[in-house]
Amino acid sequence: TINKIDSTTNNNLAGANFTIKRLATNEIVDSFTTTTTSHETSNLLPGNYEITETAAPDGYIVNTTAKEFTLSSTNPKVTLDYADKQNETIIVKKDAKTNTILAGATLKVINKDTSEVIDTFVTTTTGHSIKGLKAGTYKVIEEAAPSGYTKSDAIVEFTISNNQTEVQ
């Protein structure tokens, strides 16, 4: 039994892709996409297996840690919890000349494909965090410049995918 869960809430997550490989033969014996209930794989022979997450649900970072398990006549069932963390994007506004992080700019994050406004915020010197962005391309637009600066017309784009382990 495989449970795909949120690492913070422990709630089941739908949309993660997994493969199960029999180690003795390197044969993929199951591949599946999780739902909000546990996934059960039946008809596995006794032996050593490895499960690997190949894609995370929308808004999450793929868990790249493969887990091994063994089935035997004395251990015919195994339950594994596989946890994912939500992705996190940190946005900062920097001075173009000094590269210093600036507070006081009003920025807007927009989904490029749907034009949905994801967040509007005023920058700080520590950066602004957005968690759980779904796969897609996003635009950051400056709405108002910090005091003493001119508003930038530059549009910064970034992309989130469901198989990322880190976003730069």
N, C-alpha and C. Protein backbone atom coordinates (compact mmCIF):
# COMPACT_ATOMS: atom_id res chain seq x y z
N THR A 1 0.85 -1.18 0.00
CA THR A 1 0.00 0.00 0.00
C THR A 1 0.89 1.24 0.00
N ILE A 2 0.60 2.15 -0.91
CA ILE A 2 1.37 3.39 -1.02
C ILE A 2 0.45 4.54 -0.68
N ASN A 3 0.89 5.39 0.24
CA ASN A 3 0.17 6.60 0.60
C ASN A 3 1.01 7.80 0.19
N LYS A 4 0.49 8.62 -0.70
CA LYS A 4 1.17 9.86 -1.10
C LYS A 4 0.58 10.97 -0.25
N ILE A 5 1.43 11.63 0.57
CA ILE A 5 0.92 12.59 1.53
C ILE A 5 1.67 13.92 1.47
N ASP A 6 0.99 14.97 1.92
CA ASP A 6 1.61 16.28 2.11
C ASP A 6 2.50 16.20 3.34
N SER A 7 3.72 16.69 3.24
CA SER A 7 4.68 16.55 4.34
C SER A 7 4.30 17.37 5.57
N THR A 8 3.44 18.35 5.42
CA THR A 8 3.03 19.17 6.55
C THR A 8 1.71 18.71 7.15
N THR A 9 0.72 18.44 6.30
CA THR A 9 -0.62 18.12 6.79
C THR A 9 -0.89 16.63 6.92
N ASN A 10 -0.07 15.81 6.26
CA ASN A 10 -0.27 14.36 6.16
C ASN A 10 -1.53 13.96 5.41
N ASN A 11 -2.13 14.91 4.68
CA ASN A 11 -3.29 14.59 3.84
C ASN A 11 -2.84 13.87 2.58
N ASN A 12 -3.66 12.92 2.10
CA ASN A 12 -3.35 12.21 0.85
C ASN A 12 -3.37 13.19 -0.31
N LEU A 13 -2.46 12.96 -1.27
CA LEU A 13 -2.33 13.81 -2.44
C LEU A 13 -2.59 13.02 -3.71
N ALA A 14 -3.37 13.59 -4.61
CA ALA A 14 -3.59 13.00 -5.93
C ALA A 14 -2.62 13.62 -6.92
N GLY A 15 -2.25 12.85 -7.96
CA GLY A 15 -1.48 13.40 -9.06
C GLY A 15 0.00 13.11 -9.07
N ALA A 16 0.51 12.33 -8.14
CA ALA A 16 1.93 11.94 -8.17
C ALA A 16 2.07 10.68 -9.02
N ASN A 17 3.13 10.61 -9.81
CA ASN A 17 3.40 9.42 -10.63
C ASN A 17 4.51 8.61 -9.98
N PHE A 18 4.32 7.28 -9.95
CA PHE A 18 5.28 6.37 -9.34
C PHE A 18 5.56 5.19 -10.25
N THR A 19 6.74 4.60 -10.07
CA THR A 19 7.05 3.30 -10.66
C THR A 19 7.57 2.39 -9.55
N ILE A 20 7.23 1.11 -9.67
CA ILE A 20 7.76 0.09 -8.76
C ILE A 20 8.57 -0.88 -9.60
N LYS A 21 9.83 -1.08 -9.20
CA LYS A 21 10.76 -1.93 -9.94
C LYS A 21 11.16 -3.13 -9.08
N ARG A 22 11.12 -4.33 -9.66
CA ARG A 22 11.64 -5.53 -9.01
C ARG A 22 13.15 -5.49 -9.17
N LEU A 23 13.90 -5.46 -8.08
CA LEU A 23 15.35 -5.26 -8.13
C LEU A 23 16.10 -6.43 -8.76
N ALA A 24 15.60 -7.65 -8.59
CA ALA A 24 16.30 -8.83 -9.13
C ALA A 24 16.36 -8.80 -10.66
N THR A 25 15.33 -8.20 -11.28
CA THR A 25 15.25 -8.23 -12.75
C THR A 25 15.29 -6.83 -13.38
N ASN A 26 15.24 -5.78 -12.55
CA ASN A 26 15.11 -4.39 -13.01
C ASN A 26 13.85 -4.17 -13.83
N GLU A 27 12.87 -5.03 -13.68
CA GLU A 27 11.61 -4.92 -14.41
C GLU A 27 10.66 -3.97 -13.66
N ILE A 28 10.04 -3.04 -14.40
CA ILE A 28 9.00 -2.19 -13.84
C ILE A 28 7.74 -3.06 -13.73
N VAL A 29 7.28 -3.27 -12.50
CA VAL A 29 6.12 -4.15 -12.28
C VAL A 29 4.83 -3.37 -12.06
N ASP A 30 4.95 -2.08 -11.84
CA ASP A 30 3.76 -1.24 -11.70
C ASP A 30 4.16 0.21 -11.90
N SER A 31 3.29 0.95 -12.54
CA SER A 31 3.42 2.41 -12.59
C SER A 31 2.01 2.95 -12.45
N PHE A 32 1.88 4.03 -11.70
CA PHE A 32 0.55 4.52 -11.37
C PHE A 32 0.59 6.00 -11.00
N THR A 33 -0.58 6.61 -11.03
CA THR A 33 -0.78 7.99 -10.58
C THR A 33 -1.67 7.93 -9.34
N THR A 34 -1.24 8.61 -8.28
CA THR A 34 -1.98 8.55 -7.03
C THR A 34 -3.32 9.29 -7.12
N THR A 35 -4.24 8.84 -6.28
CA THR A 35 -5.52 9.52 -6.08
C THR A 35 -5.54 9.96 -4.62
N THR A 36 -6.67 10.38 -4.13
CA THR A 36 -6.75 10.81 -2.73
C THR A 36 -6.91 9.63 -1.77
N THR A 37 -6.84 8.42 -2.30
CA THR A 37 -6.86 7.23 -1.45
C THR A 37 -5.56 6.44 -1.67
N SER A 38 -5.30 5.49 -0.82
CA SER A 38 -4.08 4.68 -0.92
C SER A 38 -4.08 3.87 -2.21
N HIS A 39 -2.87 3.63 -2.75
CA HIS A 39 -2.72 2.77 -3.93
C HIS A 39 -2.24 1.40 -3.48
N GLU A 40 -2.89 0.36 -3.99
CA GLU A 40 -2.48 -1.00 -3.66
C GLU A 40 -2.03 -1.70 -4.93
N THR A 41 -0.87 -2.33 -4.85
CA THR A 41 -0.34 -3.14 -5.94
C THR A 41 -0.44 -4.59 -5.51
N SER A 42 -1.07 -5.41 -6.35
CA SER A 42 -1.23 -6.82 -5.98
C SER A 42 -0.39 -7.69 -6.93
N ASN A 43 -0.32 -8.96 -6.61
CA ASN A 43 0.36 -9.96 -7.43
C ASN A 43 1.88 -9.75 -7.53
N LEU A 44 2.47 -9.11 -6.54
CA LEU A 44 3.93 -9.00 -6.52
C LEU A 44 4.52 -10.27 -5.93
N LEU A 45 5.56 -10.77 -6.55
CA LEU A 45 6.25 -11.96 -6.06
C LEU A 45 7.11 -11.58 -4.85
N PRO A 46 7.44 -12.55 -4.01
CA PRO A 46 8.38 -12.26 -2.93
C PRO A 46 9.70 -11.76 -3.53
N GLY A 47 10.30 -10.79 -2.86
CA GLY A 47 11.57 -10.25 -3.34
C GLY A 47 11.74 -8.80 -2.93
N ASN A 48 12.81 -8.20 -3.46
CA ASN A 48 13.14 -6.81 -3.16
C ASN A 48 12.66 -5.89 -4.28
N TYR A 49 12.09 -4.75 -3.87
CA TYR A 49 11.51 -3.81 -4.81
C TYR A 49 11.98 -2.39 -4.47
N GLU A 50 11.84 -1.52 -5.47
CA GLU A 50 12.17 -0.12 -5.28
C GLU A 50 11.03 0.71 -5.88
N ILE A 51 10.56 1.67 -5.11
CA ILE A 51 9.53 2.59 -5.60
C ILE A 51 10.15 3.97 -5.78
N THR A 52 9.82 4.62 -6.89
CA THR A 52 10.37 5.93 -7.21
C THR A 52 9.26 6.85 -7.68
N GLU A 53 9.26 8.06 -7.14
CA GLU A 53 8.32 9.08 -7.61
C GLU A 53 8.92 9.73 -8.85
N THR A 54 8.16 9.76 -9.94
CA THR A 54 8.67 10.33 -11.19
C THR A 54 8.10 11.70 -11.50
N ALA A 55 6.98 12.06 -10.90
CA ALA A 55 6.41 13.40 -11.04
C ALA A 55 5.56 13.70 -9.81
N ALA A 56 5.63 14.94 -9.36
CA ALA A 56 4.90 15.36 -8.18
C ALA A 56 3.54 15.93 -8.56
N PRO A 57 2.61 15.98 -7.61
CA PRO A 57 1.34 16.66 -7.87
C PRO A 57 1.58 18.15 -8.10
N ASP A 58 0.63 18.82 -8.73
CA ASP A 58 0.72 20.27 -8.91
C ASP A 58 0.99 20.95 -7.59
N GLY A 59 1.96 21.86 -7.59
CA GLY A 59 2.27 22.64 -6.41
C GLY A 59 3.26 22.00 -5.46
N TYR A 60 3.81 20.85 -5.83
CA TYR A 60 4.73 20.11 -4.95
C TYR A 60 6.04 19.84 -5.65
N ILE A 61 7.07 19.58 -4.85
CA ILE A 61 8.39 19.23 -5.35
C ILE A 61 8.50 17.71 -5.34
N VAL A 62 9.05 17.14 -6.41
CA VAL A 62 9.18 15.69 -6.50
C VAL A 62 10.12 15.18 -5.40
N ASN A 63 9.72 14.09 -4.77
CA ASN A 63 10.55 13.46 -3.74
C ASN A 63 11.47 12.47 -4.47
N THR A 64 12.74 12.80 -4.58
CA THR A 64 13.66 12.01 -5.38
C THR A 64 14.24 10.80 -4.65
N THR A 65 13.85 10.61 -3.40
CA THR A 65 14.38 9.48 -2.63
C THR A 65 13.64 8.20 -3.00
N ALA A 66 14.36 7.27 -3.63
CA ALA A 66 13.78 5.96 -3.93
C ALA A 66 13.72 5.17 -2.62
N LYS A 67 12.63 4.41 -2.45
CA LYS A 67 12.48 3.60 -1.25
C LYS A 67 12.48 2.13 -1.64
N GLU A 68 13.24 1.35 -0.89
CA GLU A 68 13.27 -0.10 -1.12
C GLU A 68 12.40 -0.80 -0.09
N PHE A 69 11.79 -1.90 -0.52
CA PHE A 69 11.01 -2.71 0.40
C PHE A 69 11.13 -4.18 -0.02
N THR A 70 10.86 -5.06 0.92
CA THR A 70 10.98 -6.49 0.68
C THR A 70 9.66 -7.17 1.02
N LEU A 71 9.23 -8.05 0.12
CA LEU A 71 8.05 -8.88 0.36
C LEU A 71 8.51 -10.31 0.54
N SER A 72 7.90 -11.01 1.49
CA SER A 72 8.24 -12.41 1.74
C SER A 72 7.01 -13.12 2.28
N SER A 73 7.12 -14.43 2.49
CA SER A 73 5.99 -15.18 3.04
C SER A 73 5.64 -14.70 4.45
N THR A 74 6.62 -14.21 5.19
CA THR A 74 6.36 -13.71 6.53
C THR A 74 6.04 -12.21 6.54
N ASN A 75 6.30 -11.53 5.43
CA ASN A 75 6.04 -10.09 5.30
C ASN A 75 5.38 -9.84 3.94
N PRO A 76 4.11 -10.32 3.77
CA PRO A 76 3.49 -10.25 2.44
C PRO A 76 2.93 -8.88 2.07
N LYS A 77 2.81 -7.97 3.05
CA LYS A 77 2.26 -6.64 2.78
C LYS A 77 3.16 -5.57 3.39
N VAL A 78 3.31 -4.48 2.66
CA VAL A 78 4.11 -3.35 3.12
C VAL A 78 3.30 -2.08 2.89
N THR A 79 3.34 -1.18 3.85
CA THR A 79 2.71 0.12 3.69
C THR A 79 3.81 1.19 3.75
N LEU A 80 3.84 2.04 2.73
CA LEU A 80 4.82 3.13 2.66
C LEU A 80 4.11 4.46 2.55
N ASP A 81 4.55 5.42 3.36
CA ASP A 81 4.10 6.80 3.22
C ASP A 81 5.19 7.55 2.47
N TYR A 82 4.80 8.22 1.41
CA TYR A 82 5.73 8.98 0.58
C TYR A 82 5.31 10.44 0.67
N ALA A 83 6.12 11.27 1.32
CA ALA A 83 5.73 12.67 1.57
C ALA A 83 6.38 13.62 0.58
N ASP A 84 5.61 14.62 0.17
CA ASP A 84 6.11 15.71 -0.68
C ASP A 84 5.92 17.03 0.04
N LYS A 85 6.84 17.94 -0.21
CA LYS A 85 6.73 19.31 0.28
C LYS A 85 6.16 20.17 -0.84
N GLN A 86 5.38 21.18 -0.44
CA GLN A 86 4.92 22.14 -1.43
C GLN A 86 6.13 22.89 -1.98
N ASN A 87 6.06 23.24 -3.27
CA ASN A 87 7.13 24.07 -3.80
C ASN A 87 7.02 25.46 -3.17
N GLU A 88 8.13 26.16 -3.17
CA GLU A 88 8.16 27.52 -2.61
C GLU A 88 8.98 28.39 -3.54
N THR A 89 8.38 29.50 -3.94
CA THR A 89 9.06 30.47 -4.79
C THR A 89 9.26 31.74 -3.96
N ILE A 90 10.49 32.22 -3.90
CA ILE A 90 10.78 33.45 -3.16
C ILE A 90 11.15 34.52 -4.18
N ILE A 91 10.44 35.63 -4.10
CA ILE A 91 10.63 36.71 -5.06
C ILE A 91 11.22 37.91 -4.32
N VAL A 92 12.27 38.48 -4.91
CA VAL A 92 12.91 39.67 -4.36
C VAL A 92 13.02 40.72 -5.46
N LYS A 93 13.08 41.96 -5.03
CA LYS A 93 13.34 43.09 -5.93
C LYS A 93 14.75 43.57 -5.62
N LYS A 94 15.59 43.68 -6.68
CA LYS A 94 16.98 44.09 -6.47
C LYS A 94 17.29 45.37 -7.23
N ASP A 95 18.19 46.16 -6.65
CA ASP A 95 18.73 47.33 -7.32
C ASP A 95 19.59 46.84 -8.49
N ALA A 96 19.34 47.35 -9.68
CA ALA A 96 20.03 46.87 -10.89
C ALA A 96 21.54 47.12 -10.84
N LYS A 97 21.97 48.16 -10.15
CA LYS A 97 23.41 48.49 -10.12
C LYS A 97 24.14 47.82 -8.96
N THR A 98 23.53 47.80 -7.78
CA THR A 98 24.23 47.31 -6.60
C THR A 98 23.86 45.87 -6.24
N ASN A 99 22.79 45.36 -6.84
CA ASN A 99 22.28 44.01 -6.56
C ASN A 99 21.74 43.88 -5.13
N THR A 100 21.49 45.01 -4.46
CA THR A 100 20.94 45.03 -3.12
C THR A 100 19.45 44.74 -3.18
N ILE A 101 18.95 43.93 -2.26
CA ILE A 101 17.51 43.64 -2.19
C ILE A 101 16.78 44.88 -1.69
N LEU A 102 15.70 45.24 -2.38
CA LEU A 102 14.95 46.45 -2.07
C LEU A 102 13.58 46.15 -1.47
N ALA A 103 13.21 46.93 -0.49
CA ALA A 103 11.87 46.88 0.08
C ALA A 103 11.04 48.00 -0.54
N GLY A 104 9.72 47.80 -0.60
CA GLY A 104 8.83 48.88 -1.00
C GLY A 104 8.31 48.83 -2.43
N ALA A 105 8.72 47.87 -3.24
CA ALA A 105 8.17 47.74 -4.59
C ALA A 105 6.88 46.94 -4.52
N THR A 106 5.87 47.34 -5.27
CA THR A 106 4.64 46.55 -5.37
C THR A 106 4.76 45.68 -6.62
N LEU A 107 4.73 44.36 -6.41
CA LEU A 107 4.87 43.40 -7.50
C LEU A 107 3.61 42.55 -7.61
N LYS A 108 3.36 42.11 -8.84
CA LYS A 108 2.21 41.25 -9.11
C LYS A 108 2.73 40.00 -9.82
N VAL A 109 2.24 38.83 -9.38
CA VAL A 109 2.58 37.56 -10.01
C VAL A 109 1.33 37.08 -10.75
N ILE A 110 1.51 36.79 -12.06
CA ILE A 110 0.40 36.42 -12.92
C ILE A 110 0.72 35.10 -13.62
N ASN A 111 -0.27 34.21 -13.70
CA ASN A 111 -0.12 32.99 -14.50
C ASN A 111 -0.14 33.41 -15.96
N LYS A 112 0.93 33.12 -16.70
CA LYS A 112 1.06 33.57 -18.09
C LYS A 112 -0.03 33.00 -19.00
N ASP A 113 -0.42 31.74 -18.77
CA ASP A 113 -1.39 31.09 -19.65
C ASP A 113 -2.83 31.50 -19.38
N THR A 114 -3.18 31.71 -18.10
CA THR A 114 -4.57 32.01 -17.76
C THR A 114 -4.81 33.48 -17.43
N SER A 115 -3.74 34.25 -17.26
CA SER A 115 -3.80 35.66 -16.83
C SER A 115 -4.36 35.83 -15.41
N GLU A 116 -4.45 34.74 -14.67
CA GLU A 116 -4.92 34.81 -13.29
C GLU A 116 -3.86 35.50 -12.43
N VAL A 117 -4.31 36.45 -11.63
CA VAL A 117 -3.41 37.10 -10.67
C VAL A 117 -3.24 36.17 -9.49
N ILE A 118 -2.02 35.73 -9.26
CA ILE A 118 -1.72 34.79 -8.19
C ILE A 118 -1.50 35.52 -6.87
N ASP A 119 -0.79 36.65 -6.94
CA ASP A 119 -0.46 37.39 -5.72
C ASP A 119 -0.03 38.80 -6.10
N THR A 120 -0.36 39.75 -5.24
CA THR A 120 0.15 41.12 -5.33
C THR A 120 0.70 41.44 -3.94
N PHE A 121 1.90 42.00 -3.88
CA PHE A 121 2.54 42.21 -2.59
C PHE A 121 3.55 43.35 -2.67
N VAL A 122 3.93 43.84 -1.50
CA VAL A 122 4.99 44.86 -1.38
C VAL A 122 6.24 44.14 -0.89
N THR A 123 7.35 44.35 -1.60
CA THR A 123 8.59 43.64 -1.27
C THR A 123 9.16 44.09 0.07
N THR A 124 9.92 43.18 0.66
CA THR A 124 10.68 43.45 1.88
C THR A 124 12.14 43.09 1.59
N THR A 125 12.99 43.27 2.54
CA THR A 125 14.40 42.93 2.34
C THR A 125 14.66 41.43 2.50
N THR A 126 13.65 40.67 2.87
CA THR A 126 13.84 39.23 3.03
C THR A 126 13.22 38.43 1.90
N GLY A 127 12.49 39.05 1.01
CA GLY A 127 11.86 38.33 -0.08
C GLY A 127 10.45 37.91 0.29
N HIS A 128 9.65 37.63 -0.73
CA HIS A 128 8.24 37.25 -0.56
C HIS A 128 8.09 35.79 -0.99
N SER A 129 7.45 34.99 -0.16
CA SER A 129 7.29 33.55 -0.40
C SER A 129 5.89 33.25 -0.93
N ILE A 130 5.85 32.44 -2.00
CA ILE A 130 4.59 31.90 -2.52
C ILE A 130 4.75 30.38 -2.56
N LYS A 131 3.85 29.67 -1.88
CA LYS A 131 3.94 28.20 -1.83
C LYS A 131 2.86 27.57 -2.68
N GLY A 132 3.19 26.40 -3.24
CA GLY A 132 2.20 25.57 -3.91
C GLY A 132 1.80 26.02 -5.30
N LEU A 133 2.68 26.71 -6.02
CA LEU A 133 2.34 27.11 -7.39
C LEU A 133 2.20 25.88 -8.27
N LYS A 134 1.15 25.85 -9.08
CA LYS A 134 0.93 24.74 -10.01
C LYS A 134 1.90 24.86 -11.18
N ALA A 135 2.12 23.74 -11.86
CA ALA A 135 3.00 23.74 -13.02
C ALA A 135 2.53 24.78 -14.02
N GLY A 136 3.47 25.54 -14.55
CA GLY A 136 3.13 26.57 -15.53
C GLY A 136 4.18 27.66 -15.56
N THR A 137 3.93 28.64 -16.40
CA THR A 137 4.83 29.80 -16.51
C THR A 137 4.14 31.00 -15.88
N TYR A 138 4.91 31.75 -15.14
CA TYR A 138 4.40 32.91 -14.40
C TYR A 138 5.19 34.16 -14.78
N LYS A 139 4.53 35.32 -14.64
CA LYS A 139 5.15 36.61 -14.90
C LYS A 139 5.13 37.43 -13.62
N VAL A 140 6.24 38.15 -13.39
CA VAL A 140 6.30 39.09 -12.28
C VAL A 140 6.37 40.48 -12.91
N ILE A 141 5.43 41.33 -12.51
CA ILE A 141 5.32 42.68 -13.06
C ILE A 141 5.39 43.67 -11.91
N GLU A 142 6.18 44.72 -12.09
CA GLU A 142 6.26 45.76 -11.07
C GLU A 142 5.11 46.74 -11.27
N GLU A 143 4.31 46.92 -10.23
CA GLU A 143 3.17 47.85 -10.27
C GLU A 143 3.59 49.24 -9.78
N ALA A 144 4.48 49.26 -8.79
CA ALA A 144 4.96 50.54 -8.24
C ALA A 144 6.39 50.34 -7.74
N ALA A 145 7.22 51.35 -7.99
CA ALA A 145 8.64 51.28 -7.60
C ALA A 145 8.80 51.68 -6.13
N PRO A 146 9.90 51.21 -5.52
CA PRO A 146 10.21 51.69 -4.17
C PRO A 146 10.52 53.18 -4.21
N SER A 147 10.40 53.81 -3.08
CA SER A 147 10.70 55.24 -2.98
C SER A 147 12.12 55.53 -3.48
N GLY A 148 12.25 56.52 -4.35
CA GLY A 148 13.55 56.89 -4.87
C GLY A 148 13.95 56.15 -6.14
N TYR A 149 13.09 55.26 -6.64
CA TYR A 149 13.38 54.47 -7.84
C TYR A 149 12.30 54.71 -8.90
N THR A 150 12.65 54.42 -10.14
CA THR A 150 11.71 54.49 -11.25
C THR A 150 11.12 53.10 -11.48
N LYS A 151 9.81 53.06 -11.75
CA LYS A 151 9.14 51.78 -11.99
C LYS A 151 9.76 51.08 -13.20
N SER A 152 10.02 49.80 -13.04
CA SER A 152 10.59 49.00 -14.13
C SER A 152 9.47 48.45 -14.99
N ASP A 153 9.66 48.49 -16.31
CA ASP A 153 8.70 47.89 -17.24
C ASP A 153 9.09 46.46 -17.60
N ALA A 154 10.19 45.97 -17.04
CA ALA A 154 10.65 44.61 -17.34
C ALA A 154 9.65 43.59 -16.78
N ILE A 155 9.40 42.55 -17.56
CA ILE A 155 8.56 41.44 -17.11
C ILE A 155 9.48 40.24 -16.91
N VAL A 156 9.50 39.71 -15.71
CA VAL A 156 10.34 38.57 -15.38
C VAL A 156 9.46 37.33 -15.41
N GLU A 157 9.88 36.31 -16.16
CA GLU A 157 9.13 35.07 -16.24
C GLU A 157 9.89 33.95 -15.54
N PHE A 158 9.13 33.02 -14.94
CA PHE A 158 9.72 31.81 -14.39
C PHE A 158 8.74 30.67 -14.59
N THR A 159 9.27 29.45 -14.61
CA THR A 159 8.46 28.27 -14.90
C THR A 159 8.55 27.27 -13.75
N ILE A 160 7.41 26.71 -13.41
CA ILE A 160 7.32 25.65 -12.40
C ILE A 160 6.91 24.38 -13.13
N SER A 161 7.60 23.26 -12.83
CA SER A 161 7.20 21.97 -13.40
C SER A 161 7.00 20.97 -12.27
N ASN A 162 6.30 19.88 -12.56
CA ASN A 162 6.02 18.88 -11.53
C ASN A 162 7.15 17.90 -11.29
N ASN A 163 8.28 18.07 -11.97
CA ASN A 163 9.40 17.18 -11.68
C ASN A 163 10.62 17.95 -11.20
N GLN A 164 10.39 19.17 -10.74
CA GLN A 164 11.48 19.98 -10.21
C GLN A 164 11.82 19.56 -8.79
N THR A 165 13.08 19.69 -8.47
CA THR A 165 13.50 19.48 -7.10
C THR A 165 13.89 20.82 -6.47
N GLU A 166 14.07 21.85 -7.31
CA GLU A 166 14.44 23.17 -6.83
C GLU A 166 14.12 24.18 -7.91
N VAL A 167 13.76 25.39 -7.51
CA VAL A 167 13.49 26.48 -8.45
C VAL A 167 14.51 27.56 -8.20
N GLN A 168 15.14 28.05 -9.26
CA GLN A 168 16.11 29.14 -9.13
C GLN A 168 15.46 30.46 -9.50
